[in-house]
């Protein structure tokens, strides 16, 4: 299974350079592919869970938006509009399909490996801060990697009174904690997955 994530992660990096847009390698979903692949290879469920906490809610939103567009041929939140924008099927679209299966396969991997630590959310939070800093230092705001500069969705969160960067951190940290507590409550009954 780790080969799936490693292969897609490497393809994402190579495709970013091919498109002359190396900043794309800082997308959390691309980095997470490599980290999850490494976690599966090393049987390190702590690493895998840290990525699940970061990705669970954003990927669920991506999946809902994607399926909605497939069914209705219209945009719901605008998250996956890029996927349907052109008639040409390219490598970037193939890589984007990982949004559909990354979380289920990752959770299954943790199930098989078992989880001994409950604090993977701390690594998630540190990674979010680190990526935010990298994007702000090295990526122009017109690229908007990880939605750091502007919202990537077509709806308001009701936090417009706050500076956007504070809202970004608040939303990401809340998503990580929500994913942690949700997975904890859903999976704690299984002795192998005591989150």
Protein backbone atom coordinates (compact mmCIF):
# COMPACT_ATOMS: atom_id res chain seq x y z
CA UNK A 1 0.00 0.00 0.00
CA UNK A 2 2.84 2.40 0.72
CA UNK A 3 3.81 2.21 -2.96
CA UNK A 4 0.49 3.81 -3.93
CA UNK A 5 1.16 6.84 -1.76
CA UNK A 6 4.87 7.11 -2.61
CA UNK A 7 4.14 6.81 -6.34
CA UNK A 8 1.39 9.44 -6.27
CA UNK A 9 3.51 11.75 -4.09
CA UNK A 10 6.49 11.47 -6.43
CA UNK A 11 4.26 11.94 -9.48
CA UNK A 12 2.78 15.07 -7.85
CA UNK A 13 6.27 16.49 -7.29
CA UNK A 14 7.44 15.64 -10.82
CA UNK A 15 4.25 17.03 -12.33
CA UNK A 16 4.72 20.28 -10.37
CA UNK A 17 8.19 20.71 -11.87
CA UNK A 18 6.96 19.68 -15.32
CA UNK A 19 4.29 22.39 -15.13
CA UNK A 20 7.01 24.84 -13.99
CA UNK A 21 5.14 25.37 -10.75
CA UNK A 22 7.32 23.77 -8.05
CA UNK A 23 5.38 25.57 -5.32
CA UNK A 24 2.64 22.97 -5.78
CA UNK A 25 4.76 20.46 -3.86
CA UNK A 26 3.78 22.40 -0.73
CA UNK A 27 0.13 21.37 -1.05
CA UNK A 28 -0.63 19.52 2.18
CA UNK A 29 -2.31 16.70 0.27
CA UNK A 30 0.85 16.09 -1.82
CA UNK A 31 3.18 16.15 1.18
CA UNK A 32 0.83 13.91 3.09
CA UNK A 33 0.99 11.27 0.37
CA UNK A 34 4.72 10.87 0.92
CA UNK A 35 4.43 10.98 4.72
CA UNK A 36 1.61 8.41 4.73
CA UNK A 37 3.61 6.19 2.38
CA UNK A 38 6.62 6.44 4.70
CA UNK A 39 4.40 5.77 7.73
CA UNK A 40 2.97 2.63 6.13
CA UNK A 41 6.44 1.44 5.09
CA UNK A 42 7.80 1.94 8.62
CA UNK A 43 4.57 0.71 10.24
CA UNK A 44 4.35 4.06 12.04
CA UNK A 45 0.69 4.78 12.68
CA UNK A 46 1.59 8.00 14.53
CA UNK A 47 2.80 9.53 11.23
CA UNK A 48 -0.20 8.23 9.33
CA UNK A 49 -2.68 9.60 11.88
CA UNK A 50 -0.98 13.00 11.87
CA UNK A 51 -1.78 13.24 8.17
CA UNK A 52 -5.30 11.86 8.54
CA UNK A 53 -6.06 14.61 11.07
CA UNK A 54 -4.86 17.28 8.62
CA UNK A 55 -6.63 15.85 5.58
CA UNK A 56 -9.84 14.21 6.82
CA UNK A 57 -12.19 17.20 6.71
CA UNK A 58 -10.68 19.01 3.68
CA UNK A 59 -10.69 15.76 1.67
CA UNK A 60 -14.26 15.01 2.73
CA UNK A 61 -15.25 18.46 1.44
CA UNK A 62 -13.31 17.79 -1.79
CA UNK A 63 -15.05 14.43 -2.22
CA UNK A 64 -18.52 15.88 -1.63
CA UNK A 65 -17.85 18.71 -4.08
CA UNK A 66 -16.47 16.23 -6.65
CA UNK A 67 -19.41 13.82 -6.43
CA UNK A 68 -21.88 16.72 -6.50
CA UNK A 69 -20.28 18.02 -9.71
CA UNK A 70 -20.33 14.54 -11.28
CA UNK A 71 -24.02 14.14 -10.53
CA UNK A 72 -25.30 17.66 -11.26
CA UNK A 73 -22.65 18.99 -13.69
CA UNK A 74 -22.62 22.17 -11.62
CA UNK A 75 -20.42 23.59 -8.88
CA UNK A 76 -21.33 23.20 -5.22
CA UNK A 77 -18.49 24.91 -3.34
CA UNK A 78 -16.06 25.44 -6.21
CA UNK A 79 -13.35 23.26 -4.69
CA UNK A 80 -13.13 20.82 -7.59
CA UNK A 81 -14.04 23.18 -10.42
CA UNK A 82 -10.41 22.99 -11.63
CA UNK A 83 -10.84 19.26 -12.20
CA UNK A 84 -13.69 19.81 -14.66
CA UNK A 85 -12.37 23.06 -16.20
CA UNK A 86 -10.64 21.57 -19.25
CA UNK A 87 -11.46 18.81 -21.68
CA UNK A 88 -7.96 17.32 -21.56
CA UNK A 89 -7.36 14.56 -19.02
CA UNK A 90 -3.85 15.10 -17.64
CA UNK A 91 -1.53 13.73 -14.98
CA UNK A 92 -2.63 16.38 -12.48
CA UNK A 93 -6.19 15.09 -12.66
CA UNK A 94 -5.09 11.51 -12.14
CA UNK A 95 -3.11 12.58 -9.08
CA UNK A 96 -6.10 14.60 -7.80
CA UNK A 97 -8.18 11.44 -7.70
CA UNK A 98 -6.15 10.46 -4.63
CA UNK A 99 -8.49 12.73 -2.67
CA UNK A 100 -11.13 10.01 -3.01
CA UNK A 101 -9.21 7.16 -1.39
CA UNK A 102 -6.40 8.61 0.76
CA UNK A 103 -8.37 8.73 4.01
CA UNK A 104 -10.07 5.31 3.78
CA UNK A 105 -6.82 3.54 2.88
CA UNK A 106 -4.91 5.45 5.56
CA UNK A 107 -7.44 4.55 8.26
CA UNK A 108 -7.35 0.92 7.14
CA UNK A 109 -3.55 1.01 7.35
CA UNK A 110 -3.73 2.31 10.91
CA UNK A 111 -6.22 -0.44 11.69
CA UNK A 112 -3.75 -3.07 10.44
CA UNK A 113 -0.73 -1.51 12.15
CA UNK A 114 -2.41 -0.48 15.40
CA UNK A 115 -1.95 2.81 17.20
CA UNK A 116 -0.02 3.21 20.43
CA UNK A 117 0.00 7.00 20.78
CA UNK A 118 -2.90 9.42 21.04
CA UNK A 119 -1.09 12.69 20.35
CA UNK A 120 -0.57 12.67 16.57
CA UNK A 121 -2.61 15.89 16.41
CA UNK A 122 0.43 17.70 17.86
CA UNK A 123 2.51 16.74 14.83
CA UNK A 124 -0.41 17.81 12.63
CA UNK A 125 -0.45 21.26 14.27
CA UNK A 126 3.33 21.66 13.94
CA UNK A 127 3.19 20.66 10.27
CA UNK A 128 0.43 23.19 9.58
CA UNK A 129 2.49 26.00 11.14
CA UNK A 130 5.61 24.92 9.23
CA UNK A 131 3.80 24.75 5.88
CA UNK A 132 2.12 28.11 6.49
CA UNK A 133 5.54 29.69 7.05
CA UNK A 134 7.05 28.02 3.97
CA UNK A 135 4.18 29.10 1.74
CA UNK A 136 4.36 32.67 3.00
CA UNK A 137 8.13 32.80 2.48
CA UNK A 138 8.40 31.14 -0.91
CA UNK A 139 5.06 31.13 -2.74
CA UNK A 140 3.52 34.19 -4.41
CA UNK A 141 -0.01 34.96 -3.27
CA UNK A 142 -1.50 34.49 -6.75
CA UNK A 143 -0.81 30.74 -6.46
CA UNK A 144 -2.65 30.42 -3.10
CA UNK A 145 -1.23 27.04 -2.05
CA UNK A 146 -3.31 25.48 0.77
CA UNK A 147 -5.64 28.50 0.58
CA UNK A 148 -3.13 30.43 2.72
CA UNK A 149 -3.81 33.79 1.05
CA UNK A 150 -7.48 33.55 0.12
CA UNK A 151 -10.38 31.16 0.78
CA UNK A 152 -10.63 28.24 -1.65
CA UNK A 153 -14.37 27.82 -1.15
CA UNK A 154 -17.36 29.82 -2.32
CA UNK A 155 -18.96 30.27 1.08
CA UNK A 156 -18.30 32.42 4.10
CA UNK A 157 -17.40 30.93 7.47
CA UNK A 158 -18.79 33.97 9.29
CA UNK A 159 -15.30 34.95 10.44
CA UNK A 160 -14.85 37.88 8.08
CA UNK A 161 -14.21 40.20 11.02
CA UNK A 162 -10.86 38.46 11.65
CA UNK A 163 -7.72 38.88 9.52
CA UNK A 164 -7.70 36.02 7.02
CA UNK A 165 -4.47 34.44 8.31
CA UNK A 166 -5.97 34.11 11.80
CA UNK A 167 -9.09 32.58 10.29
CA UNK A 168 -6.90 30.16 8.30
CA UNK A 169 -5.10 28.96 11.44
CA UNK A 170 -8.29 28.77 13.44
CA UNK A 171 -10.08 26.73 10.78
CA UNK A 172 -7.15 24.35 10.25
CA UNK A 173 -6.62 23.76 13.96
CA UNK A 174 -10.35 23.21 14.48
CA UNK A 175 -10.42 20.73 11.58
CA UNK A 176 -7.47 18.81 13.05
CA UNK A 177 -9.04 18.67 16.50
CA UNK A 178 -12.47 17.78 15.11
CA UNK A 179 -10.94 14.94 13.07
CA UNK A 180 -9.04 13.75 16.14
CA UNK A 181 -12.11 13.70 18.38
CA UNK A 182 -14.41 12.28 15.69
CA UNK A 183 -12.06 9.42 14.87
CA UNK A 184 -11.47 8.88 18.57
CA UNK A 185 -15.18 8.55 19.27
CA UNK A 186 -15.82 6.33 16.24
CA UNK A 187 -12.89 3.99 16.64
CA UNK A 188 -12.14 3.85 20.34
CA UNK A 189 -14.30 0.74 20.81
CA UNK A 190 -11.86 -1.22 18.64
CA UNK A 191 -8.94 -2.27 20.85
CA UNK A 192 -6.52 -1.95 17.94
CA UNK A 193 -7.45 1.68 17.33
CA UNK A 194 -7.37 3.40 20.66
CA UNK A 195 -6.98 6.99 19.53
